Amino acid sequence: MGDGEDRIRHEGEELKGKAKEKAGEATDNEQAQAEGRSEQAKGSLKKAGDKLKDAAEDARNAFKK
């Protein structure tokens, strides 16, 4: 799977978590709220990893010049 597809999937995971959290709030379901926050955190961490990969690639490319 390409980097672009990973980024889209990670963003989707974060958005899915936000939706689940809001649905849990609307239905007063604490478990759904917690699961939503967890999914958001996973998506955010994966997005941070994507940014680190980009920074490492940029640094590698800067030394190749």
C-alpha atoms as a PDB file:
ATOM      1  CA  MET A   1       0.000   0.000   0.000  1.00  0.00           C
ATOM      2  CA  GLY A   2       1.340   3.424  -0.906  1.00  0.00           C
ATOM      3  CA  ASP A   3       2.038   6.301   1.428  1.00  0.00           C
ATOM      4  CA  GLY A   4      -0.921   8.270   0.089  1.00  0.00           C
ATOM      5  CA  GLU A   5      -3.282   5.409   0.788  1.00  0.00           C
ATOM      6  CA  ASP A   6      -1.883   5.057   4.308  1.00  0.00           C
ATOM      7  CA  ARG A   7      -2.419   8.754   4.961  1.00  0.00           C
ATOM      8  CA  ILE A   8      -6.016   8.555   3.792  1.00  0.00           C
ATOM      9  CA  ARG A   9      -6.626   5.476   5.933  1.00  0.00           C
ATOM     10  CA  HIS A  10      -5.076   7.160   8.995  1.00  0.00           C
ATOM     11  CA  GLU A  11      -7.179  10.289   8.504  1.00  0.00           C
ATOM     12  CA  GLY A  12     -10.267   8.111   8.096  1.00  0.00           C
ATOM     13  CA  GLU A  13      -9.464   6.249  11.296  1.00  0.00           C
ATOM     14  CA  GLU A  14      -9.240   9.521  13.176  1.00  0.00           C
ATOM     15  CA  LEU A  15     -12.517  10.797  11.705  1.00  0.00           C
ATOM     16  CA  LYS A  16     -14.245   7.498  12.452  1.00  0.00           C
ATOM     17  CA  GLY A  17     -13.124   7.856  16.062  1.00  0.00           C
ATOM     18  CA  LYS A  18     -14.519  11.376  16.272  1.00  0.00           C
ATOM     19  CA  ALA A  19     -17.845  10.177  14.900  1.00  0.00           C
ATOM     20  CA  LYS A  20     -17.958   7.260  17.333  1.00  0.00           C
ATOM     21  CA  GLU A  21     -17.171   9.545  20.250  1.00  0.00           C
ATOM     22  CA  LYS A  22     -19.922  11.996  19.253  1.00  0.00           C
ATOM     23  CA  ALA A  23     -22.406   9.152  18.796  1.00  0.00           C
ATOM     24  CA  GLY A  24     -21.482   7.903  22.260  1.00  0.00           C
ATOM     25  CA  GLU A  25     -22.063  11.370  23.684  1.00  0.00           C
ATOM     26  CA  ALA A  26     -25.441  11.606  21.973  1.00  0.00           C
ATOM     27  CA  THR A  27     -26.544   8.225  23.312  1.00  0.00           C
ATOM     28  CA  ASP A  28     -24.822   8.593  26.699  1.00  0.00           C
ATOM     29  CA  ASN A  29     -22.709   5.517  25.906  1.00  0.00           C
ATOM     30  CA  GLU A  30     -19.422   5.858  27.767  1.00  0.00           C
ATOM     31  CA  GLN A  31     -17.892   2.782  26.135  1.00  0.00           C
ATOM     32  CA  ALA A  32     -18.486   4.177  22.635  1.00  0.00           C
ATOM     33  CA  GLN A  33     -17.011   7.500  23.742  1.00  0.00           C
ATOM     34  CA  ALA A  34     -13.875   5.772  25.051  1.00  0.00           C
ATOM     35  CA  GLU A  35     -13.539   3.659  21.894  1.00  0.00           C
ATOM     36  CA  GLY A  36     -13.898   6.790  19.785  1.00  0.00           C
ATOM     37  CA  ARG A  37     -11.177   8.591  21.714  1.00  0.00           C
ATOM     38  CA  SER A  38      -8.949   5.532  21.372  1.00  0.00           C
ATOM     39  CA  GLU A  39      -9.472   5.375  17.599  1.00  0.00           C
ATOM     40  CA  GLN A  40      -8.726   9.088  17.329  1.00  0.00           C
ATOM     41  CA  ALA A  41      -5.501   8.632  19.272  1.00  0.00           C
ATOM     42  CA  LYS A  42      -4.415   5.723  17.054  1.00  0.00           C
ATOM     43  CA  GLY A  43      -5.113   7.759  13.932  1.00  0.00           C
ATOM     44  CA  SER A  44      -3.225  10.746  15.319  1.00  0.00           C
ATOM     45  CA  LEU A  45      -0.205   8.627  16.218  1.00  0.00           C
ATOM     46  CA  LYS A  46      -0.156   7.062  12.774  1.00  0.00           C
ATOM     47  CA  LYS A  47      -0.371  10.505  11.170  1.00  0.00           C
ATOM     48  CA  ALA A  48       2.562  11.624  13.335  1.00  0.00           C
ATOM     49  CA  GLY A  49       4.483   8.601  12.074  1.00  0.00           C
ATOM     50  CA  ASP A  50       3.696   9.645   8.507  1.00  0.00           C
ATOM     51  CA  LYS A  51       5.140  13.091   9.227  1.00  0.00           C
ATOM     52  CA  LEU A  52       8.292  11.556  10.717  1.00  0.00           C
ATOM     53  CA  LYS A  53       8.726   9.404   7.614  1.00  0.00           C
ATOM     54  CA  ASP A  54       8.403  12.514   5.455  1.00  0.00           C
ATOM     55  CA  ALA A  55      10.983  14.382   7.536  1.00  0.00           C
ATOM     56  CA  ALA A  56      13.417  11.460   7.343  1.00  0.00           C
ATOM     57  CA  GLU A  57      12.941  11.238   3.571  1.00  0.00           C
ATOM     58  CA  ASP A  58      13.520  15.003   3.215  1.00  0.00           C
ATOM     59  CA  ALA A  59      16.700  14.774   5.293  1.00  0.00           C
ATOM     60  CA  ARG A  60      17.948  11.819   3.246  1.00  0.00           C
ATOM     61  CA  ASN A  61      17.250  13.687   0.020  1.00  0.00           C
ATOM     62  CA  ALA A  62      19.032  16.801   1.282  1.00  0.00           C
ATOM     63  CA  PHE A  63      22.238  14.823   1.774  1.00  0.00           C
ATOM     64  CA  LYS A  64      22.006  13.228  -1.658  1.00  0.00           C
ATOM     65  CA  LYS A  65      22.372  16.607  -3.379  1.00  0.00           C
END
